[in-house]
Amino acid sequence: MRLYTAGETSVLCGVSVETLNLWYRFKKYNPDNDYAKMLPEIKHKEDNNKVRYWNEEDIYKLVEFKSTIPQGRNGVMGKITQKYVKKKEK
């Protein structure tokens, strides 16, 4: 089974790597949220725990997640996006 890096995964899902990172920050800080539970677990190769990977099944789950979550400033990602994007702009 082929594994995809964050860059490859983001392209296949039609989002930026930054958006992918924000989704997983949301999952980290809101583990009991129903939307967060939709995100697949990240895989790591045994030799390198810092590189994240997703498989083909995960890509489908991420695309479904993208189409399901409420969009916009007041969507479920609003607080996470505002916190991290504004911090980055400063």
N, C-alpha and C. Protein backbone atom coordinates (compact mmCIF):
# COMPACT_ATOMS: atom_id res chain seq x y z
N MET A 1 0.84 -1.17 0.00
CA MET A 1 0.00 0.00 0.00
C MET A 1 0.89 1.24 0.00
N ARG A 2 0.59 2.15 -0.90
CA ARG A 2 1.39 3.37 -1.03
C ARG A 2 1.04 4.36 0.07
N LEU A 3 2.07 5.03 0.57
CA LEU A 3 1.88 6.08 1.56
C LEU A 3 2.20 7.43 0.92
N TYR A 4 1.44 8.44 1.29
CA TYR A 4 1.59 9.78 0.74
C TYR A 4 2.08 10.74 1.83
N THR A 5 2.98 11.63 1.46
CA THR A 5 3.48 12.65 2.39
C THR A 5 2.41 13.73 2.56
N ALA A 6 2.66 14.66 3.46
CA ALA A 6 1.72 15.76 3.68
C ALA A 6 1.54 16.58 2.40
N GLY A 7 2.61 16.84 1.69
CA GLY A 7 2.52 17.60 0.44
C GLY A 7 1.68 16.89 -0.61
N GLU A 8 1.93 15.61 -0.79
CA GLU A 8 1.16 14.82 -1.75
C GLU A 8 -0.31 14.71 -1.33
N THR A 9 -0.52 14.50 -0.04
CA THR A 9 -1.87 14.38 0.49
C THR A 9 -2.66 15.66 0.29
N SER A 10 -2.02 16.79 0.56
CA SER A 10 -2.72 18.06 0.41
C SER A 10 -3.13 18.30 -1.04
N VAL A 11 -2.27 17.96 -1.99
CA VAL A 11 -2.59 18.11 -3.41
C VAL A 11 -3.77 17.21 -3.78
N LEU A 12 -3.73 15.96 -3.34
CA LEU A 12 -4.80 15.02 -3.65
C LEU A 12 -6.14 15.43 -3.03
N CYS A 13 -6.09 16.12 -1.91
CA CYS A 13 -7.31 16.57 -1.23
C CYS A 13 -7.76 17.95 -1.69
N GLY A 14 -6.91 18.65 -2.41
CA GLY A 14 -7.27 19.98 -2.89
C GLY A 14 -7.20 21.05 -1.81
N VAL A 15 -6.28 20.90 -0.87
CA VAL A 15 -6.07 21.89 0.19
C VAL A 15 -4.58 22.15 0.31
N SER A 16 -4.22 23.16 1.08
CA SER A 16 -2.80 23.43 1.32
C SER A 16 -2.29 22.57 2.47
N VAL A 17 -0.99 22.45 2.57
CA VAL A 17 -0.39 21.73 3.71
C VAL A 17 -0.77 22.45 5.00
N GLU A 18 -0.83 23.77 4.95
CA GLU A 18 -1.21 24.55 6.13
C GLU A 18 -2.62 24.18 6.59
N THR A 19 -3.53 24.01 5.66
CA THR A 19 -4.90 23.61 6.01
C THR A 19 -4.90 22.22 6.63
N LEU A 20 -4.15 21.31 6.05
CA LEU A 20 -4.02 19.96 6.61
C LEU A 20 -3.50 20.03 8.05
N ASN A 21 -2.50 20.87 8.27
CA ASN A 21 -1.96 21.05 9.62
C ASN A 21 -3.02 21.61 10.58
N LEU A 22 -3.80 22.58 10.10
CA LEU A 22 -4.86 23.16 10.94
C LEU A 22 -5.91 22.11 11.29
N TRP A 23 -6.25 21.24 10.35
CA TRP A 23 -7.22 20.17 10.64
C TRP A 23 -6.73 19.30 11.79
N TYR A 24 -5.45 18.95 11.74
CA TYR A 24 -4.92 18.07 12.78
C TYR A 24 -4.67 18.80 14.10
N ARG A 25 -4.45 20.11 14.05
CA ARG A 25 -4.42 20.88 15.29
C ARG A 25 -5.81 20.86 15.93
N PHE A 26 -6.83 21.04 15.09
CA PHE A 26 -8.21 20.99 15.56
C PHE A 26 -8.48 19.65 16.24
N LYS A 27 -8.03 18.56 15.61
CA LYS A 27 -8.23 17.23 16.18
C LYS A 27 -7.49 17.09 17.52
N LYS A 28 -6.29 17.64 17.60
CA LYS A 28 -5.49 17.54 18.82
C LYS A 28 -6.18 18.24 19.99
N TYR A 29 -6.73 19.42 19.74
CA TYR A 29 -7.34 20.21 20.81
C TYR A 29 -8.82 19.92 21.05
N ASN A 30 -9.44 19.17 20.13
CA ASN A 30 -10.87 18.85 20.25
C ASN A 30 -11.10 17.37 19.95
N PRO A 31 -10.44 16.47 20.65
CA PRO A 31 -10.50 15.04 20.31
C PRO A 31 -11.90 14.43 20.40
N ASP A 32 -12.79 15.01 21.19
CA ASP A 32 -14.13 14.46 21.34
C ASP A 32 -15.14 15.01 20.34
N ASN A 33 -14.72 15.98 19.54
CA ASN A 33 -15.60 16.57 18.54
C ASN A 33 -15.89 15.54 17.44
N ASP A 34 -17.14 15.48 17.00
CA ASP A 34 -17.53 14.51 15.96
C ASP A 34 -16.77 14.73 14.66
N TYR A 35 -16.51 15.99 14.31
CA TYR A 35 -15.74 16.26 13.09
C TYR A 35 -14.30 15.79 13.25
N ALA A 36 -13.72 16.03 14.40
CA ALA A 36 -12.33 15.62 14.65
C ALA A 36 -12.18 14.10 14.55
N LYS A 37 -13.21 13.39 14.97
CA LYS A 37 -13.17 11.93 14.90
C LYS A 37 -13.18 11.42 13.47
N MET A 38 -13.60 12.25 12.52
CA MET A 38 -13.61 11.86 11.11
C MET A 38 -12.21 11.82 10.50
N LEU A 39 -11.29 12.57 11.10
CA LEU A 39 -9.92 12.62 10.56
C LEU A 39 -9.18 11.33 10.84
N PRO A 40 -8.57 10.73 9.81
CA PRO A 40 -7.82 9.49 10.03
C PRO A 40 -6.54 9.75 10.82
N GLU A 41 -6.08 8.72 11.51
CA GLU A 41 -4.83 8.82 12.27
C GLU A 41 -3.66 8.96 11.30
N ILE A 42 -2.68 9.73 11.70
CA ILE A 42 -1.47 9.91 10.89
C ILE A 42 -0.56 8.71 11.09
N LYS A 43 0.07 8.29 10.00
CA LYS A 43 1.00 7.16 10.07
C LYS A 43 2.43 7.69 10.02
N HIS A 44 3.32 6.98 10.68
CA HIS A 44 4.74 7.32 10.67
C HIS A 44 5.53 6.06 10.30
N LYS A 45 6.59 6.24 9.52
CA LYS A 45 7.47 5.12 9.25
C LYS A 45 8.34 4.89 10.47
N GLU A 46 8.74 3.66 10.68
CA GLU A 46 9.51 3.30 11.87
C GLU A 46 10.81 4.07 11.99
N ASP A 47 11.43 4.39 10.87
CA ASP A 47 12.74 5.04 10.91
C ASP A 47 12.67 6.55 11.07
N ASN A 48 11.47 7.15 10.91
CA ASN A 48 11.38 8.61 11.00
C ASN A 48 10.00 9.01 11.52
N ASN A 49 9.92 9.35 12.79
CA ASN A 49 8.64 9.71 13.39
C ASN A 49 8.18 11.12 13.05
N LYS A 50 9.02 11.94 12.44
CA LYS A 50 8.65 13.32 12.15
C LYS A 50 7.90 13.47 10.83
N VAL A 51 8.09 12.55 9.91
CA VAL A 51 7.42 12.63 8.61
C VAL A 51 6.06 11.94 8.72
N ARG A 52 5.01 12.66 8.30
CA ARG A 52 3.65 12.12 8.39
C ARG A 52 3.24 11.52 7.06
N TYR A 53 2.46 10.44 7.13
CA TYR A 53 2.00 9.75 5.94
C TYR A 53 0.53 9.40 6.05
N TRP A 54 -0.12 9.35 4.90
CA TRP A 54 -1.50 8.90 4.80
C TRP A 54 -1.57 7.90 3.65
N ASN A 55 -2.50 6.93 3.75
CA ASN A 55 -2.68 5.98 2.66
C ASN A 55 -3.90 6.39 1.83
N GLU A 56 -4.22 5.60 0.80
CA GLU A 56 -5.32 5.95 -0.10
C GLU A 56 -6.67 6.02 0.62
N GLU A 57 -6.90 5.12 1.54
CA GLU A 57 -8.15 5.14 2.30
C GLU A 57 -8.26 6.44 3.11
N ASP A 58 -7.14 6.87 3.65
CA ASP A 58 -7.11 8.12 4.42
C ASP A 58 -7.44 9.32 3.54
N ILE A 59 -6.96 9.29 2.31
CA ILE A 59 -7.22 10.40 1.37
C ILE A 59 -8.73 10.54 1.17
N TYR A 60 -9.42 9.41 0.98
CA TYR A 60 -10.88 9.46 0.81
C TYR A 60 -11.56 10.03 2.05
N LYS A 61 -11.07 9.66 3.22
CA LYS A 61 -11.64 10.18 4.48
C LYS A 61 -11.40 11.69 4.60
N LEU A 62 -10.22 12.14 4.19
CA LEU A 62 -9.92 13.57 4.25
C LEU A 62 -10.78 14.37 3.28
N VAL A 63 -11.00 13.84 2.09
CA VAL A 63 -11.86 14.51 1.11
C VAL A 63 -13.30 14.58 1.64
N GLU A 64 -13.75 13.49 2.26
CA GLU A 64 -15.08 13.49 2.86
C GLU A 64 -15.15 14.51 4.00
N PHE A 65 -14.11 14.57 4.82
CA PHE A 65 -14.05 15.53 5.91
C PHE A 65 -14.15 16.95 5.36
N LYS A 66 -13.38 17.23 4.30
CA LYS A 66 -13.37 18.55 3.69
C LYS A 66 -14.77 18.95 3.22
N SER A 67 -15.49 18.02 2.63
CA SER A 67 -16.83 18.34 2.10
C SER A 67 -17.90 18.40 3.19
N THR A 68 -17.60 17.89 4.37
CA THR A 68 -18.58 17.81 5.46
C THR A 68 -18.50 18.99 6.43
N ILE A 69 -17.29 19.48 6.71
CA ILE A 69 -17.14 20.49 7.76
C ILE A 69 -17.76 21.83 7.33
N PRO A 70 -18.40 22.52 8.28
CA PRO A 70 -18.91 23.86 7.99
C PRO A 70 -17.75 24.80 7.65
N GLN A 71 -17.94 25.62 6.65
CA GLN A 71 -16.89 26.52 6.18
C GLN A 71 -17.08 27.93 6.73
N GLY A 72 -16.06 28.73 6.61
CA GLY A 72 -16.14 30.14 6.97
C GLY A 72 -15.59 30.44 8.35
N ARG A 73 -15.54 31.70 8.65
CA ARG A 73 -14.97 32.19 9.89
C ARG A 73 -15.65 31.58 11.12
N ASN A 74 -16.94 31.33 11.03
CA ASN A 74 -17.68 30.80 12.17
C ASN A 74 -17.84 29.28 12.11
N GLY A 75 -17.15 28.64 11.17
CA GLY A 75 -17.21 27.18 11.08
C GLY A 75 -16.46 26.54 12.24
N VAL A 76 -16.41 25.23 12.27
CA VAL A 76 -15.77 24.52 13.38
C VAL A 76 -14.28 24.81 13.48
N MET A 77 -13.66 25.20 12.38
CA MET A 77 -12.23 25.50 12.39
C MET A 77 -11.94 26.96 12.70
N GLY A 78 -12.96 27.78 12.84
CA GLY A 78 -12.78 29.22 13.00
C GLY A 78 -11.81 29.61 14.09
N LYS A 79 -11.98 29.06 15.28
CA LYS A 79 -11.12 29.43 16.41
C LYS A 79 -9.68 28.99 16.19
N ILE A 80 -9.50 27.78 15.67
CA ILE A 80 -8.14 27.28 15.41
C ILE A 80 -7.48 28.11 14.32
N THR A 81 -8.21 28.38 13.24
CA THR A 81 -7.64 29.15 12.14
C THR A 81 -7.26 30.55 12.60
N GLN A 82 -8.15 31.22 13.30
CA GLN A 82 -7.87 32.57 13.76
C GLN A 82 -6.66 32.61 14.68
N LYS A 83 -6.56 31.64 15.56
CA LYS A 83 -5.46 31.62 16.52
C LYS A 83 -4.11 31.43 15.83
N TYR A 84 -4.01 30.48 14.90
CA TYR A 84 -2.72 30.16 14.31
C TYR A 84 -2.39 31.01 13.09
N VAL A 85 -3.38 31.37 12.29
CA VAL A 85 -3.09 32.19 11.11
C VAL A 85 -2.73 33.60 11.52
N LYS A 86 -3.44 34.19 12.47
CA LYS A 86 -3.10 35.54 12.92
C LYS A 86 -1.72 35.57 13.57
N LYS A 87 -1.40 34.54 14.32
CA LYS A 87 -0.08 34.47 14.97
C LYS A 87 1.02 34.43 13.91
N LYS A 88 0.77 33.73 12.81
CA LYS A 88 1.77 33.60 11.74
C LYS A 88 1.96 34.92 11.00
N GLU A 89 0.87 35.70 10.84
CA GLU A 89 0.94 36.97 10.10
C GLU A 89 1.72 38.03 10.83
N LYS A 90 1.82 37.95 12.16
CA LYS A 90 2.51 38.98 12.95
C LYS A 90 3.99 38.95 12.80
